Structures are given as C-alpha cells and as structure tokens.
Amino acid sequence: MRSSLVFTVPASGDRITYQVNILEMNGDGYRLAQSRARKPG
C-alpha cells in the first residue's frame, strides 16, 4: 500500500500542472503604487 501511495502523489501533481502556464511576476502591483501615491510624505 505504501509504495503505491508514493507514486500516486507525484502523478497527481503532474496532472494538476499539465498544460498550465505559470507566470512569475516581479515588481509592484498597481494597487501598491496607488496607495503609495495617496500617502503623504
């Protein structure tokens, strides 16, 4: 039973990420920029 579980977990992870585009976004968001612009000082 344990050996089948070891192979099931990675397989389910592969199915979740199959044909998925993962975007890594760096930088400030527009909401952060707006809140900084509103704050005095």
N, C-alpha and C. Protein backbone atom coordinates (compact mmCIF):
# COMPACT_ATOMS: atom_id res chain seq x y z
N MET A 1 0.83 -1.20 0.00
CA MET A 1 0.00 0.00 0.00
C MET A 1 0.87 1.25 0.00
N ARG A 2 1.93 1.24 0.76
CA ARG A 2 2.79 2.43 0.86
C ARG A 2 3.47 2.74 -0.46
N SER A 3 3.94 1.75 -1.19
CA SER A 3 4.63 2.01 -2.44
C SER A 3 3.70 2.60 -3.48
N SER A 4 2.44 2.21 -3.50
CA SER A 4 1.50 2.78 -4.46
C SER A 4 1.20 4.24 -4.13
N LEU A 5 1.21 4.59 -2.86
CA LEU A 5 0.97 5.97 -2.44
C LEU A 5 2.12 6.87 -2.86
N VAL A 6 3.32 6.35 -2.83
CA VAL A 6 4.50 7.13 -3.21
C VAL A 6 4.40 7.56 -4.67
N PHE A 7 3.89 6.73 -5.54
CA PHE A 7 3.78 7.06 -6.95
C PHE A 7 2.51 7.85 -7.26
N THR A 8 1.51 7.79 -6.41
CA THR A 8 0.26 8.49 -6.66
C THR A 8 0.40 10.00 -6.45
N VAL A 9 1.12 10.39 -5.43
CA VAL A 9 1.24 11.82 -5.11
C VAL A 9 1.93 12.60 -6.22
N PRO A 10 3.10 12.18 -6.72
CA PRO A 10 3.71 12.94 -7.82
C PRO A 10 2.87 12.91 -9.10
N ALA A 11 2.18 11.82 -9.35
CA ALA A 11 1.35 11.73 -10.55
C ALA A 11 0.20 12.73 -10.48
N SER A 12 -0.39 12.90 -9.30
CA SER A 12 -1.48 13.87 -9.18
C SER A 12 -0.95 15.29 -9.35
N GLY A 13 0.26 15.55 -8.89
CA GLY A 13 0.87 16.86 -9.09
C GLY A 13 1.12 17.14 -10.56
N ASP A 14 1.52 16.13 -11.31
CA ASP A 14 1.72 16.29 -12.74
C ASP A 14 0.41 16.57 -13.45
N ARG A 15 -0.65 15.96 -13.02
CA ARG A 15 -1.95 16.18 -13.66
C ARG A 15 -2.47 17.58 -13.38
N ILE A 16 -2.18 18.12 -12.21
CA ILE A 16 -2.62 19.47 -11.88
C ILE A 16 -1.90 20.49 -12.75
N THR A 17 -0.60 20.31 -12.97
CA THR A 17 0.19 21.28 -13.71
C THR A 17 0.29 20.98 -15.20
N TYR A 18 -0.41 19.98 -15.68
CA TYR A 18 -0.36 19.63 -17.10
C TYR A 18 -1.06 20.71 -17.91
N GLN A 19 -0.40 21.20 -18.93
CA GLN A 19 -0.91 22.25 -19.81
C GLN A 19 -1.32 23.50 -19.05
N VAL A 20 -0.52 23.90 -18.09
CA VAL A 20 -0.76 25.11 -17.32
C VAL A 20 0.43 26.03 -17.51
N ASN A 21 0.15 27.30 -17.74
CA ASN A 21 1.21 28.29 -17.83
C ASN A 21 1.34 28.96 -16.47
N ILE A 22 2.54 28.91 -15.91
CA ILE A 22 2.81 29.53 -14.62
C ILE A 22 3.60 30.80 -14.89
N LEU A 23 3.02 31.93 -14.50
CA LEU A 23 3.65 33.22 -14.73
C LEU A 23 4.29 33.71 -13.44
N GLU A 24 5.54 34.05 -13.52
CA GLU A 24 6.23 34.63 -12.38
C GLU A 24 6.27 36.13 -12.59
N MET A 25 5.62 36.84 -11.71
CA MET A 25 5.51 38.29 -11.87
C MET A 25 6.28 38.98 -10.75
N ASN A 26 7.21 39.81 -11.13
CA ASN A 26 8.01 40.56 -10.17
C ASN A 26 7.68 42.04 -10.29
N GLY A 27 7.83 42.75 -9.22
CA GLY A 27 7.58 44.18 -9.24
C GLY A 27 6.35 44.54 -8.42
N ASP A 28 6.13 45.84 -8.31
CA ASP A 28 5.00 46.33 -7.53
C ASP A 28 3.72 46.23 -8.35
N GLY A 29 2.64 45.91 -7.68
CA GLY A 29 1.34 45.89 -8.32
C GLY A 29 0.77 47.30 -8.42
N TYR A 30 -0.27 47.44 -9.22
CA TYR A 30 -0.84 48.77 -9.41
C TYR A 30 -1.51 49.27 -8.14
N ARG A 31 -2.04 48.39 -7.32
CA ARG A 31 -2.67 48.82 -6.07
C ARG A 31 -1.64 49.37 -5.09
N LEU A 32 -0.47 48.75 -5.05
CA LEU A 32 0.59 49.24 -4.18
C LEU A 32 1.06 50.62 -4.64
N ALA A 33 1.19 50.80 -5.94
CA ALA A 33 1.61 52.09 -6.47
C ALA A 33 0.57 53.16 -6.18
N GLN A 34 -0.71 52.82 -6.28
CA GLN A 34 -1.78 53.78 -5.99
C GLN A 34 -1.78 54.16 -4.52
N SER A 35 -1.60 53.19 -3.64
CA SER A 35 -1.62 53.50 -2.21
C SER A 35 -0.40 54.33 -1.81
N ARG A 36 0.72 54.09 -2.43
CA ARG A 36 1.91 54.90 -2.15
C ARG A 36 1.72 56.34 -2.64
N ALA A 37 1.03 56.50 -3.76
CA ALA A 37 0.80 57.84 -4.31
C ALA A 37 -0.16 58.63 -3.42
N ARG A 38 -1.09 57.95 -2.76
CA ARG A 38 -2.06 58.64 -1.90
C ARG A 38 -1.48 59.05 -0.56
N LYS A 39 -0.50 58.31 -0.07
CA LYS A 39 0.08 58.59 1.24
C LYS A 39 0.91 59.87 1.19
N PRO A 40 0.67 60.78 2.14
CA PRO A 40 1.51 61.98 2.18
C PRO A 40 2.90 61.65 2.72
N GLY A 41 3.90 62.30 2.19
CA GLY A 41 5.25 62.15 2.71
C GLY A 41 5.98 61.12 2.03
